[in-house]
Amino acid sequence: MSEHKFELEKKNVFESQEEEQTSSIKLIRGCPCFKVFGDEKLCVNNDSVLEIDAIEIDPSIYPFHSNKDSMEEERATDGNVCYVSIFINYPDNKVYCISQGWVLRIHGKDVPGVDLEDAMQFLSTKEISSSAEICSECLYKFILTLGDTFADLLSEKEKTDEVKKYVDKFSLMIAVKHSQTDQRMDSIGTEDDIEEGVDHFQFLRNYLVQLLEQQNYWAQFGDELEKEEVDVWIQELVRMRERLDRLEFQFYSQTLQLRDINEFNMLIKMLEYILRSSDEILILNDEIHSKIRSSKFQELTGTDERFQILGEYAEKSRTVEHNFGNILQILTKL
């Protein structure tokens, strides 16, 4: 494991510990055991089939609950009422139904809280805010595909299809966010566009073209600085920025290649390449961010306006760290 990946995981652990000091639960809208068949709304928790009266309640209305015991106050008095909302209880790593207090079980196994959190990372803003039915179905599919607990419930073909779909969609979401935070780029669209079924290749192509243009810009800028014989550390910084665009282009090219892979073992091999690219992007992004936040670089931008454009990367670098940190964690699990 690289030093950067270790530091990233250590940071995530500290953040989780900090969160648990204030709250030992996490509330989630939707439930993987909630199913809709025609006009019927059913709960299939623990492999049973119970007809329910669904009352969709946004869990944000419970802001003052911080542990499992306090959540007991929100139980419904009627055994058939379902709020279509659940919560993760960190101390026992289990998931509970808010309305009935049941532990969530699928195919005879408890749903691990960590698996549900991994699944949440794949949900887009639109999916999270959509109907509880859509959100619930997404959670169910992600848990079965990503989690080790239910790994034997899907065939290799089903896993291959689902993983391809997730990585494809997640890479588009990253491209959208990056195009929105990079001041030198035009936004390629929104998450709504992705949900509405755009042509993924054409959609991503707009971002790839801009990545190539930026890569050429930094390459030419680096050549100019070399001719001017400016300090080596400045030349290296510009070359790093060029390489970052090249690595990001490589990442998206690899995700596009997943579409043509139908064999599970080949898929895993390609995911290893994507994982490696993601790790390299994170390491390089961190190095660039550290340099442009240094006092030495701040002095440089004060005397040469050409380097202000490098300083503007600070905002995007935080987005890159967040998005590629997420995908690195998920792909490592896969």
C-alpha atoms as a PDB file:
ATOM      1  CA  MET A   1       0.000   0.000   0.000  1.00  0.00           C
ATOM      2  CA  SER A   2       1.377   3.448  -0.883  1.00  0.00           C
ATOM      3  CA  GLU A   3       2.138   5.966   1.858  1.00  0.00           C
ATOM      4  CA  HIS A   4      -0.550   8.264   0.468  1.00  0.00           C
ATOM      5  CA  LYS A   5      -3.211   5.524   0.602  1.00  0.00           C
ATOM      6  CA  PHE A   6      -2.200   4.764   4.197  1.00  0.00           C
ATOM      7  CA  GLU A   7      -2.496   8.435   5.177  1.00  0.00           C
ATOM      8  CA  LEU A   8      -5.870   8.662   3.417  1.00  0.00           C
ATOM      9  CA  GLU A   9      -7.222   5.631   5.282  1.00  0.00           C
ATOM     10  CA  LYS A  10      -5.811   6.939   8.560  1.00  0.00           C
ATOM     11  CA  LYS A  11      -7.541  10.279   7.935  1.00  0.00           C
ATOM     12  CA  ASN A  12     -10.845   8.496   7.266  1.00  0.00           C
ATOM     13  CA  VAL A  13     -10.499   6.551  10.518  1.00  0.00           C
ATOM     14  CA  PHE A  14      -9.885   9.740  12.505  1.00  0.00           C
ATOM     15  CA  GLU A  15     -12.855  11.431  10.841  1.00  0.00           C
ATOM     16  CA  SER A  16     -15.076   8.451  11.668  1.00  0.00           C
ATOM     17  CA  GLN A  17     -13.871   8.472  15.287  1.00  0.00           C
ATOM     18  CA  GLU A  18     -14.610  12.178  15.530  1.00  0.00           C
ATOM     19  CA  GLU A  19     -18.109  11.625  14.175  1.00  0.00           C
ATOM     20  CA  GLU A  20     -18.778   8.797  16.612  1.00  0.00           C
ATOM     21  CA  GLN A  21     -17.896  11.041  19.555  1.00  0.00           C
ATOM     22  CA  THR A  22     -20.925  13.193  18.756  1.00  0.00           C
ATOM     23  CA  SER A  23     -23.227  10.561  17.231  1.00  0.00           C
ATOM     24  CA  SER A  24     -23.091   6.778  17.144  1.00  0.00           C
ATOM     25  CA  ILE A  25     -25.713   6.474  14.392  1.00  0.00           C
ATOM     26  CA  LYS A  26     -26.228   7.589  10.794  1.00  0.00           C
ATOM     27  CA  LEU A  27     -29.737   8.170   9.418  1.00  0.00           C
ATOM     28  CA  ILE A  28     -30.498   7.121   5.825  1.00  0.00           C
ATOM     29  CA  ARG A  29     -33.472   7.745   3.563  1.00  0.00           C
ATOM     30  CA  GLY A  30     -34.672   4.624   1.796  1.00  0.00           C
ATOM     31  CA  CYS A  31     -34.371   0.957   2.774  1.00  0.00           C
ATOM     32  CA  PRO A  32     -33.006  -2.028   0.790  1.00  0.00           C
ATOM     33  CA  CYS A  33     -35.847  -4.170   2.194  1.00  0.00           C
ATOM     34  CA  PHE A  34     -38.588  -1.886   0.838  1.00  0.00           C
ATOM     35  CA  LYS A  35     -40.181  -3.229  -2.351  1.00  0.00           C
ATOM     36  CA  VAL A  36     -42.993  -1.992  -4.586  1.00  0.00           C
ATOM     37  CA  PHE A  37     -44.951  -4.428  -6.761  1.00  0.00           C
ATOM     38  CA  GLY A  38     -47.706  -2.645  -8.650  1.00  0.00           C
ATOM     39  CA  ASP A  39     -49.931  -1.034  -6.030  1.00  0.00           C
ATOM     40  CA  GLU A  40     -48.520  -3.142  -3.213  1.00  0.00           C
ATOM     41  CA  LYS A  41     -45.792  -1.879  -0.891  1.00  0.00           C
ATOM     42  CA  LEU A  42     -43.955  -4.639   0.912  1.00  0.00           C
ATOM     43  CA  CYS A  43     -41.248  -5.175   3.515  1.00  0.00           C
ATOM     44  CA  VAL A  44     -39.051  -8.188   2.756  1.00  0.00           C
ATOM     45  CA  ASN A  45     -36.806  -7.888   5.792  1.00  0.00           C
ATOM     46  CA  ASN A  46     -35.455 -11.210   7.047  1.00  0.00           C
ATOM     47  CA  ASP A  47     -36.871 -12.951   3.941  1.00  0.00           C
ATOM     48  CA  SER A  48     -40.452 -12.412   5.067  1.00  0.00           C
ATOM     49  CA  VAL A  49     -43.099 -10.624   2.996  1.00  0.00           C
ATOM     50  CA  LEU A  50     -45.141  -8.108   4.955  1.00  0.00           C
ATOM     51  CA  GLU A  51     -47.660  -5.746   3.379  1.00  0.00           C
ATOM     52  CA  ILE A  52     -47.060  -2.287   4.825  1.00  0.00           C
ATOM     53  CA  ASP A  53     -48.461   1.211   5.007  1.00  0.00           C
ATOM     54  CA  ALA A  54     -45.531   3.277   3.742  1.00  0.00           C
ATOM     55  CA  ILE A  55     -45.182   6.816   5.023  1.00  0.00           C
ATOM     56  CA  GLU A  56     -42.091   8.368   3.481  1.00  0.00           C
ATOM     57  CA  ILE A  57     -40.369  10.427   6.175  1.00  0.00           C
ATOM     58  CA  ASP A  58     -37.113  12.260   5.604  1.00  0.00           C
ATOM     59  CA  PRO A  59     -34.760  11.215   8.446  1.00  0.00           C
ATOM     60  CA  SER A  60     -33.516  14.805   8.718  1.00  0.00           C
ATOM     61  CA  ILE A  61     -36.537  15.425  10.968  1.00  0.00           C
ATOM     62  CA  TYR A  62     -34.699  13.467  13.691  1.00  0.00           C
ATOM     63  CA  PRO A  63     -31.722  15.806  14.240  1.00  0.00           C
ATOM     64  CA  PHE A  64     -31.591  15.433  18.011  1.00  0.00           C
ATOM     65  CA  HIS A  65     -31.093  11.673  18.142  1.00  0.00           C
ATOM     66  CA  SER A  66     -27.488  10.579  18.533  1.00  0.00           C
ATOM     67  CA  ASN A  67     -27.697   6.910  19.516  1.00  0.00           C
ATOM     68  CA  LYS A  68     -29.736   3.748  19.068  1.00  0.00           C
ATOM     69  CA  ASP A  69     -31.522   4.048  22.409  1.00  0.00           C
ATOM     70  CA  SER A  70     -32.870   7.501  21.627  1.00  0.00           C
ATOM     71  CA  MET A  71     -34.104   6.300  18.224  1.00  0.00           C
ATOM     72  CA  GLU A  72     -36.427   3.882  20.056  1.00  0.00           C
ATOM     73  CA  GLU A  73     -38.684   6.895  20.692  1.00  0.00           C
ATOM     74  CA  GLU A  74     -39.483   7.079  16.960  1.00  0.00           C
ATOM     75  CA  ARG A  75     -40.897   3.573  16.639  1.00  0.00           C
ATOM     76  CA  ALA A  76     -44.353   3.398  15.076  1.00  0.00           C
ATOM     77  CA  THR A  77     -47.174   2.113  17.272  1.00  0.00           C
ATOM     78  CA  ASP A  78     -48.619   0.139  14.352  1.00  0.00           C
ATOM     79  CA  GLY A  79     -46.649  -2.942  13.288  1.00  0.00           C
ATOM     80  CA  ASN A  80     -47.479  -2.357   9.603  1.00  0.00           C
ATOM     81  CA  VAL A  81     -46.272   1.240   9.360  1.00  0.00           C
ATOM     82  CA  CYS A  82     -43.003   1.839   7.492  1.00  0.00           C
ATOM     83  CA  TYR A  83     -41.166   5.177   7.308  1.00  0.00           C
ATOM     84  CA  VAL A  84     -38.885   3.854   4.524  1.00  0.00           C
ATOM     85  CA  SER A  85     -35.920   5.157   6.531  1.00  0.00           C
ATOM     86  CA  ILE A  86     -33.187   3.320   8.395  1.00  0.00           C
ATOM     87  CA  PHE A  87     -30.110   4.024  10.486  1.00  0.00           C
ATOM     88  CA  ILE A  88     -26.642   2.571  10.872  1.00  0.00           C
ATOM     89  CA  ASN A  89     -25.602   1.862  14.448  1.00  0.00           C
ATOM     90  CA  TYR A  90     -21.804   2.142  14.520  1.00  0.00           C
ATOM     91  CA  PRO A  91     -21.140   0.315  17.833  1.00  0.00           C
ATOM     92  CA  ASP A  92     -22.518  -3.008  16.521  1.00  0.00           C
ATOM     93  CA  ASN A  93     -22.133  -2.295  12.755  1.00  0.00           C
ATOM     94  CA  LYS A  94     -25.784  -3.146  12.150  1.00  0.00           C
ATOM     95  CA  VAL A  95     -28.587  -1.410  10.270  1.00  0.00           C
ATOM     96  CA  TYR A  96     -31.980  -0.821  11.918  1.00  0.00           C
ATOM     97  CA  CYS A  97     -35.479   0.038  10.730  1.00  0.00           C
ATOM     98  CA  ILE A  98     -36.561   3.352  12.266  1.00  0.00           C
ATOM     99  CA  SER A  99     -40.296   2.577  12.336  1.00  0.00           C
ATOM    100  CA  GLN A 100     -40.100  -0.982  13.734  1.00  0.00           C
ATOM    101  CA  GLY A 101     -36.633  -1.237  15.306  1.00  0.00           C
ATOM    102  CA  TRP A 102     -35.795  -4.434  13.422  1.00  0.00           C
ATOM    103  CA  VAL A 103     -32.248  -5.368  12.434  1.00  0.00           C
ATOM    104  CA  LEU A 104     -32.073  -5.425   8.619  1.00  0.00           C
ATOM    105  CA  ARG A 105     -31.455  -8.917   7.234  1.00  0.00           C
ATOM    106  CA  ILE A 106     -31.233 -10.015   3.606  1.00  0.00           C
ATOM    107  CA  HIS A 107     -31.089 -13.687   2.606  1.00  0.00           C
ATOM    108  CA  GLY A 108     -30.536 -14.764   6.186  1.00  0.00           C
ATOM    109  CA  LYS A 109     -27.645 -12.361   6.862  1.00  0.00           C
ATOM    110  CA  ASP A 110     -27.429  -9.094   8.768  1.00  0.00           C
ATOM    111  CA  VAL A 111     -26.756  -6.092   6.535  1.00  0.00           C
ATOM    112  CA  PRO A 112     -23.392  -4.657   7.727  1.00  0.00           C
ATOM    113  CA  GLY A 113     -23.343  -0.924   8.343  1.00  0.00           C
ATOM    114  CA  VAL A 114     -20.040  -0.579   6.500  1.00  0.00           C
ATOM    115  CA  ASP A 115     -21.534  -2.171   3.379  1.00  0.00           C
ATOM    116  CA  LEU A 116     -24.397   0.308   3.450  1.00  0.00           C
ATOM    117  CA  GLU A 117     -21.992   3.243   3.793  1.00  0.00           C
ATOM    118  CA  ASP A 118     -20.010   1.981   0.805  1.00  0.00           C
ATOM    119  CA  ALA A 119     -23.250   1.783  -1.176  1.00  0.00           C
ATOM    120  CA  MET A 120     -24.134   5.366  -0.235  1.00  0.00           C
ATOM    121  CA  GLN A 121     -20.980   6.622  -1.937  1.00  0.00           C
ATOM    122  CA  PHE A 122     -22.346   5.470  -5.292  1.00  0.00           C
ATOM    123  CA  LEU A 123     -25.648   7.301  -4.938  1.00  0.00           C
ATOM    124  CA  SER A 124     -25.854  10.561  -6.850  1.00  0.00           C
ATOM    125  CA  THR A 125     -27.387  13.686  -5.318  1.00  0.00           C
ATOM    126  CA  LYS A 126     -30.421  13.117  -7.524  1.00  0.00           C
ATOM    127  CA  GLU A 127     -30.886   9.513  -6.362  1.00  0.00           C
ATOM    128  CA  ILE A 128     -30.590  10.493  -2.707  1.00  0.00           C
ATOM    129  CA  SER A 129     -33.266  13.176  -3.128  1.00  0.00           C
ATOM    130  CA  SER A 130     -35.559  11.084  -5.370  1.00  0.00           C
ATOM    131  CA  SER A 131     -38.437   8.896  -4.189  1.00  0.00           C
ATOM    132  CA  ALA A 132     -37.732   6.406  -1.429  1.00  0.00           C
ATOM    133  CA  GLU A 133     -38.600   3.618  -3.878  1.00  0.00           C
ATOM    134  CA  ILE A 134     -35.755   4.565  -6.257  1.00  0.00           C
ATOM    135  CA  CYS A 135     -33.298   5.145  -3.430  1.00  0.00           C
ATOM    136  CA  SER A 136     -34.212   1.794  -1.813  1.00  0.00           C
ATOM    137  CA  GLU A 137     -33.715  -0.194  -5.016  1.00  0.00           C
ATOM    138  CA  CYS A 138     -30.311   1.438  -5.583  1.00  0.00           C
ATOM    139  CA  LEU A 139     -29.214   0.572  -2.041  1.00  0.00           C
ATOM    140  CA  TYR A 140     -30.299  -3.044  -2.502  1.00  0.00           C
ATOM    141  CA  LYS A 141     -28.332  -3.483  -5.741  1.00  0.00           C
ATOM    142  CA  PHE A 142     -25.204  -1.782  -4.398  1.00  0.00           C
ATOM    143  CA  ILE A 143     -25.173  -3.853  -1.207  1.00  0.00           C
ATOM    144  CA  LEU A 144     -25.392  -7.110  -3.151  1.00  0.00           C
ATOM    145  CA  THR A 145     -22.707  -6.041  -5.625  1.00  0.00           C
ATOM    146  CA  LEU A 146     -20.176  -4.287  -3.397  1.00  0.00           C
ATOM    147  CA  GLY A 147     -20.408  -6.110  -0.099  1.00  0.00           C
ATOM    148  CA  ASP A 148     -18.497  -9.277   0.793  1.00  0.00           C
ATOM    149  CA  THR A 149     -21.451 -10.406   2.919  1.00  0.00           C
ATOM    150  CA  PHE A 150     -23.666 -11.091  -0.101  1.00  0.00           C
ATOM    151  CA  ALA A 151     -20.950 -11.866  -2.649  1.00  0.00           C
ATOM    152  CA  ASP A 152     -22.353 -15.340  -3.389  1.00  0.00           C
ATOM    153  CA  LEU A 153     -25.846 -14.103  -4.284  1.00  0.00           C
ATOM    154  CA  LEU A 154     -24.981 -12.700  -7.719  1.00  0.00           C
ATOM    155  CA  SER A 155     -23.565 -14.527 -10.704  1.00  0.00           C
ATOM    156  CA  GLU A 156     -20.278 -13.303 -12.190  1.00  0.00           C
ATOM    157  CA  LYS A 157     -22.188 -11.887 -15.160  1.00  0.00           C
ATOM    158  CA  GLU A 158     -24.538  -9.958 -12.863  1.00  0.00           C
ATOM    159  CA  LYS A 159     -21.581  -8.624 -10.881  1.00  0.00           C
ATOM    160  CA  THR A 160     -19.774  -7.656 -14.092  1.00  0.00           C
ATOM    161  CA  ASP A 161     -22.794  -5.778 -15.432  1.00  0.00           C
ATOM    162  CA  GLU A 162     -23.449  -3.961 -12.167  1.00  0.00           C
ATOM    163  CA  VAL A 163     -19.808  -2.984 -11.539  1.00  0.00           C
ATOM    164  CA  LYS A 164     -19.468  -1.679 -15.107  1.00  0.00           C
ATOM    165  CA  LYS A 165     -22.602   0.393 -14.658  1.00  0.00           C
ATOM    166  CA  TYR A 166     -21.455   1.825 -11.310  1.00  0.00           C
ATOM    167  CA  VAL A 167     -17.934   2.751 -12.429  1.00  0.00           C
ATOM    168  CA  ASP A 168     -19.263   4.225 -15.678  1.00  0.00           C
ATOM    169  CA  LYS A 169     -21.784   6.373 -13.850  1.00  0.00           C
ATOM    170  CA  PHE A 170     -19.410   7.366 -11.050  1.00  0.00           C
ATOM    171  CA  SER A 171     -16.741   8.492 -13.536  1.00  0.00           C
ATOM    172  CA  LEU A 172     -19.323  10.717 -15.267  1.00  0.00           C
ATOM    173  CA  MET A 173     -20.292  12.258 -11.937  1.00  0.00           C
ATOM    174  CA  ILE A 174     -16.627  13.024 -11.225  1.00  0.00           C
ATOM    175  CA  ALA A 175     -16.178  14.627 -14.651  1.00  0.00           C
ATOM    176  CA  VAL A 176     -19.244  16.831 -14.080  1.00  0.00           C
ATOM    177  CA  LYS A 177     -17.989  18.031 -10.696  1.00  0.00           C
ATOM    178  CA  HIS A 178     -14.467  18.645 -11.977  1.00  0.00           C
ATOM    179  CA  SER A 179     -15.685  20.647 -14.968  1.00  0.00           C
ATOM    180  CA  GLN A 180     -17.750  22.777 -12.593  1.00  0.00           C
ATOM    181  CA  THR A 181     -14.854  23.545 -10.221  1.00  0.00           C
ATOM    182  CA  ASP A 182     -12.080  24.101 -12.807  1.00  0.00           C
ATOM    183  CA  GLN A 183     -12.027  27.790 -13.703  1.00  0.00           C
ATOM    184  CA  ARG A 184     -10.357  27.036 -17.045  1.00  0.00           C
ATOM    185  CA  MET A 185     -13.111  24.648 -18.144  1.00  0.00           C
ATOM    186  CA  ASP A 186     -16.672  24.923 -19.378  1.00  0.00           C
ATOM    187  CA  SER A 187     -19.171  22.858 -17.407  1.00  0.00           C
ATOM    188  CA  ILE A 188     -20.120  19.732 -19.372  1.00  0.00           C
ATOM    189  CA  GLY A 189     -23.520  19.394 -17.679  1.00  0.00           C
ATOM    190  CA  THR A 190     -25.168  18.336 -14.428  1.00  0.00           C
ATOM    191  CA  GLU A 191     -26.022  15.159 -12.536  1.00  0.00           C
ATOM    192  CA  ASP A 192     -29.558  15.549 -13.875  1.00  0.00           C
ATOM    193  CA  ASP A 193     -28.193  15.107 -17.403  1.00  0.00           C
ATOM    194  CA  ILE A 194     -26.617  11.785 -16.395  1.00  0.00           C
ATOM    195  CA  GLU A 195     -29.855  10.560 -14.840  1.00  0.00           C
ATOM    196  CA  GLU A 196     -31.815  11.486 -17.962  1.00  0.00           C
ATOM    197  CA  GLY A 197     -29.919   8.962 -20.057  1.00  0.00           C
ATOM    198  CA  VAL A 198     -27.413  10.987 -22.072  1.00  0.00           C
ATOM    199  CA  ASP A 199     -24.973   9.275 -24.416  1.00  0.00           C
ATOM    200  CA  HIS A 200     -22.191   8.625 -21.905  1.00  0.00           C
ATOM    201  CA  PHE A 201     -19.379   8.645 -24.454  1.00  0.00           C
ATOM    202  CA  GLN A 202     -20.452  11.932 -26.074  1.00  0.00           C
ATOM    203  CA  PHE A 203     -21.034  13.442 -22.648  1.00  0.00           C
ATOM    204  CA  LEU A 204     -17.583  12.453 -21.410  1.00  0.00           C
ATOM    205  CA  ARG A 205     -15.971  13.393 -24.729  1.00  0.00           C
ATOM    206  CA  ASN A 206     -16.608  17.086 -23.976  1.00  0.00           C
ATOM    207  CA  TYR A 207     -14.552  16.746 -20.819  1.00  0.00           C
ATOM    208  CA  LEU A 208     -11.772  14.730 -22.458  1.00  0.00           C
ATOM    209  CA  VAL A 209     -11.349  17.385 -25.170  1.00  0.00           C
ATOM    210  CA  GLN A 210     -10.879  20.042 -22.493  1.00  0.00           C
ATOM    211  CA  LEU A 211      -8.400  17.838 -20.630  1.00  0.00           C
ATOM    212  CA  LEU A 212      -6.301  17.527 -23.799  1.00  0.00           C
ATOM    213  CA  GLU A 213      -6.424  21.293 -24.345  1.00  0.00           C
ATOM    214  CA  GLN A 214      -5.226  21.885 -20.793  1.00  0.00           C
ATOM    215  CA  GLN A 215      -2.519  19.278 -21.139  1.00  0.00           C
ATOM    216  CA  ASN A 216      -1.220  21.063 -24.259  1.00  0.00           C
ATOM    217  CA  TYR A 217      -1.376  24.412 -22.471  1.00  0.00           C
ATOM    218  CA  TRP A 218       0.769  23.197 -19.562  1.00  0.00           C
ATOM    219  CA  ALA A 219       3.210  21.474 -21.929  1.00  0.00           C
ATOM    220  CA  GLN A 220       3.757  24.699 -23.884  1.00  0.00           C
ATOM    221  CA  PHE A 221       4.009  26.727 -20.680  1.00  0.00           C
ATOM    222  CA  GLY A 222       6.612  24.277 -19.378  1.00  0.00           C
ATOM    223  CA  ASP A 223       8.654  24.649 -22.568  1.00  0.00           C
ATOM    224  CA  GLU A 224       8.572  28.443 -22.209  1.00  0.00           C
ATOM    225  CA  LEU A 225       9.800  28.259 -18.611  1.00  0.00           C
ATOM    226  CA  GLU A 226      12.598  25.915 -19.615  1.00  0.00           C
ATOM    227  CA  LYS A 227      13.780  28.391 -22.246  1.00  0.00           C
ATOM    228  CA  GLU A 228      13.615  31.209 -19.704  1.00  0.00           C
ATOM    229  CA  GLU A 229      15.665  29.037 -17.307  1.00  0.00           C
ATOM    230  CA  VAL A 230      13.386  29.773 -14.362  1.00  0.00           C
ATOM    231  CA  ASP A 231      13.900  27.925 -11.077  1.00  0.00           C
ATOM    232  CA  VAL A 232      13.701  24.161 -11.422  1.00  0.00           C
ATOM    233  CA  TRP A 233      10.975  23.780  -8.765  1.00  0.00           C
ATOM    234  CA  ILE A 234       8.680  26.056 -10.808  1.00  0.00           C
ATOM    235  CA  GLN A 235       9.279  24.039 -13.973  1.00  0.00           C
ATOM    236  CA  GLU A 236       8.583  20.825 -12.060  1.00  0.00           C
ATOM    237  CA  LEU A 237       5.313  22.231 -10.715  1.00  0.00           C
ATOM    238  CA  VAL A 238       4.057  23.066 -14.211  1.00  0.00           C
ATOM    239  CA  ARG A 239       5.130  19.639 -15.504  1.00  0.00           C
ATOM    240  CA  MET A 240       3.252  18.033 -12.621  1.00  0.00           C
ATOM    241  CA  ARG A 241       0.126  19.922 -13.620  1.00  0.00           C
ATOM    242  CA  GLU A 242       0.533  18.630 -17.198  1.00  0.00           C
ATOM    243  CA  ARG A 243       1.006  15.074 -15.949  1.00  0.00           C
ATOM    244  CA  LEU A 244      -2.093  15.314 -13.760  1.00  0.00           C
ATOM    245  CA  ASP A 245      -4.270  16.098 -16.789  1.00  0.00           C
ATOM    246  CA  ARG A 246      -2.642  13.203 -18.637  1.00  0.00           C
ATOM    247  CA  LEU A 247      -3.375  10.807 -15.761  1.00  0.00           C
ATOM    248  CA  GLU A 248      -6.973  11.963 -15.514  1.00  0.00           C
ATOM    249  CA  PHE A 249      -7.389  11.441 -19.264  1.00  0.00           C
ATOM    250  CA  GLN A 250      -5.942   7.944 -18.806  1.00  0.00           C
ATOM    251  CA  PHE A 251      -8.401   7.233 -15.979  1.00  0.00           C
ATOM    252  CA  TYR A 252     -11.440   8.095 -18.121  1.00  0.00           C
ATOM    253  CA  SER A 253     -10.080   6.154 -21.081  1.00  0.00           C
ATOM    254  CA  GLN A 254      -9.792   3.095 -18.850  1.00  0.00           C
ATOM    255  CA  THR A 255     -13.342   3.457 -17.535  1.00  0.00           C
ATOM    256  CA  LEU A 256     -14.629   3.655 -21.120  1.00  0.00           C
ATOM    257  CA  GLN A 257     -12.828   0.400 -21.945  1.00  0.00           C
ATOM    258  CA  LEU A 258     -14.853  -1.363 -19.252  1.00  0.00           C
ATOM    259  CA  ARG A 259     -17.868  -1.249 -21.571  1.00  0.00           C
ATOM    260  CA  ASP A 260     -16.303  -3.814 -23.894  1.00  0.00           C
ATOM    261  CA  ILE A 261     -15.398  -6.265 -21.120  1.00  0.00           C
ATOM    262  CA  ASN A 262     -17.891  -9.051 -20.394  1.00  0.00           C
ATOM    263  CA  GLU A 263     -15.719 -11.490 -18.468  1.00  0.00           C
ATOM    264  CA  PHE A 264     -15.465 -11.013 -14.686  1.00  0.00           C
ATOM    265  CA  ASN A 265     -11.751 -11.801 -14.263  1.00  0.00           C
ATOM    266  CA  MET A 266     -10.858  -9.415 -17.102  1.00  0.00           C
ATOM    267  CA  LEU A 267     -13.023  -6.797 -15.423  1.00  0.00           C
ATOM    268  CA  ILE A 268     -11.108  -7.166 -12.169  1.00  0.00           C
ATOM    269  CA  LYS A 269      -7.816  -6.822 -14.070  1.00  0.00           C
ATOM    270  CA  MET A 270      -8.986  -3.574 -15.673  1.00  0.00           C
ATOM    271  CA  LEU A 271     -10.185  -2.323 -12.293  1.00  0.00           C
ATOM    272  CA  GLU A 272      -6.626  -2.821 -11.022  1.00  0.00           C
ATOM    273  CA  TYR A 273      -5.359  -0.444 -13.733  1.00  0.00           C
ATOM    274  CA  ILE A 274      -8.082   2.075 -12.886  1.00  0.00           C
ATOM    275  CA  LEU A 275      -7.166   1.729  -9.210  1.00  0.00           C
ATOM    276  CA  ARG A 276      -3.518   2.416 -10.000  1.00  0.00           C
ATOM    277  CA  SER A 277      -4.415   5.512 -12.028  1.00  0.00           C
ATOM    278  CA  SER A 278      -6.644   6.781  -9.208  1.00  0.00           C
ATOM    279  CA  ASP A 279      -3.861   6.311  -6.680  1.00  0.00           C
ATOM    280  CA  GLU A 280      -1.344   8.175  -8.878  1.00  0.00           C
ATOM    281  CA  ILE A 281      -3.830  11.029  -9.369  1.00  0.00           C
ATOM    282  CA  LEU A 282      -4.319  11.344  -5.602  1.00  0.00           C
ATOM    283  CA  ILE A 283      -0.582  11.385  -4.880  1.00  0.00           C
ATOM    284  CA  LEU A 284       0.179  13.950  -7.595  1.00  0.00           C
ATOM    285  CA  ASN A 285      -2.803  16.104  -6.652  1.00  0.00           C
ATOM    286  CA  ASP A 286      -1.599  16.202  -3.037  1.00  0.00           C
ATOM    287  CA  GLU A 287       1.904  17.243  -4.099  1.00  0.00           C
ATOM    288  CA  ILE A 288       0.567  20.039  -6.317  1.00  0.00           C
ATOM    289  CA  HIS A 289      -1.790  21.271  -3.607  1.00  0.00           C
ATOM    290  CA  SER A 290       1.051  21.419  -1.058  1.00  0.00           C
ATOM    291  CA  LYS A 291       3.274  23.411  -3.404  1.00  0.00           C
ATOM    292  CA  ILE A 292       0.672  25.989  -4.477  1.00  0.00           C
ATOM    293  CA  ARG A 293      -0.259  26.609  -0.822  1.00  0.00           C
ATOM    294  CA  SER A 294       3.368  27.295   0.146  1.00  0.00           C
ATOM    295  CA  SER A 295       4.610  30.786   0.973  1.00  0.00           C
ATOM    296  CA  LYS A 296       7.254  30.426  -1.755  1.00  0.00           C
ATOM    297  CA  PHE A 297       4.544  29.982  -4.380  1.00  0.00           C
ATOM    298  CA  GLN A 298       2.485  32.858  -2.954  1.00  0.00           C
ATOM    299  CA  GLU A 299       5.516  35.130  -3.392  1.00  0.00           C
ATOM    300  CA  LEU A 300       5.897  33.905  -6.986  1.00  0.00           C
ATOM    301  CA  THR A 301       2.294  34.771  -7.931  1.00  0.00           C
ATOM    302  CA  GLY A 302       2.834  38.244  -6.491  1.00  0.00           C
ATOM    303  CA  THR A 303       5.657  38.921  -8.949  1.00  0.00           C
ATOM    304  CA  ASP A 304       4.502  36.950 -12.012  1.00  0.00           C
ATOM    305  CA  GLU A 305       0.803  36.895 -12.910  1.00  0.00           C
ATOM    306  CA  ARG A 306       1.263  33.900 -15.209  1.00  0.00           C
ATOM    307  CA  PHE A 307       1.297  31.614 -12.181  1.00  0.00           C
ATOM    308  CA  GLN A 308      -2.003  32.789 -10.724  1.00  0.00           C
ATOM    309  CA  ILE A 309      -3.739  30.225 -12.897  1.00  0.00           C
ATOM    310  CA  LEU A 310      -1.855  27.523 -11.011  1.00  0.00           C
ATOM    311  CA  GLY A 311      -3.038  28.986  -7.723  1.00  0.00           C
ATOM    312  CA  GLU A 312      -6.641  28.731  -8.926  1.00  0.00           C
ATOM    313  CA  TYR A 313      -6.266  24.960  -8.926  1.00  0.00           C
ATOM    314  CA  ALA A 314      -6.586  24.894  -5.123  1.00  0.00           C
ATOM    315  CA  GLU A 315     -10.392  24.659  -5.279  1.00  0.00           C
ATOM    316  CA  LYS A 316     -10.415  21.808  -7.798  1.00  0.00           C
ATOM    317  CA  SER A 317      -7.699  19.946  -5.902  1.00  0.00           C
ATOM    318  CA  ARG A 318     -10.016  19.508  -2.917  1.00  0.00           C
ATOM    319  CA  THR A 319     -12.701  18.083  -5.218  1.00  0.00           C
ATOM    320  CA  VAL A 320     -10.157  15.746  -6.829  1.00  0.00           C
ATOM    321  CA  GLU A 321      -9.040  14.504  -3.412  1.00  0.00           C
ATOM    322  CA  HIS A 322     -12.625  13.822  -2.315  1.00  0.00           C
ATOM    323  CA  ASN A 323     -13.812  12.115  -5.510  1.00  0.00           C
ATOM    324  CA  PHE A 324     -10.746  10.001  -6.246  1.00  0.00           C
ATOM    325  CA  GLY A 325     -10.423   9.183  -2.537  1.00  0.00           C
ATOM    326  CA  ASN A 326     -13.932   7.725  -2.693  1.00  0.00           C
ATOM    327  CA  ILE A 327     -13.386   5.733  -5.852  1.00  0.00           C
ATOM    328  CA  LEU A 328     -10.039   4.453  -4.584  1.00  0.00           C
ATOM    329  CA  GLN A 329     -11.715   3.152  -1.430  1.00  0.00           C
ATOM    330  CA  ILE A 330     -14.552   1.504  -3.362  1.00  0.00           C
ATOM    331  CA  LEU A 331     -12.376  -0.046  -6.084  1.00  0.00           C
ATOM    332  CA  THR A 332     -10.012  -1.419  -3.435  1.00  0.00           C
ATOM    333  CA  LYS A 333     -12.980  -3.164  -1.862  1.00  0.00           C
ATOM    334  CA  LEU A 334     -14.099  -4.556  -5.230  1.00  0.00           C
END
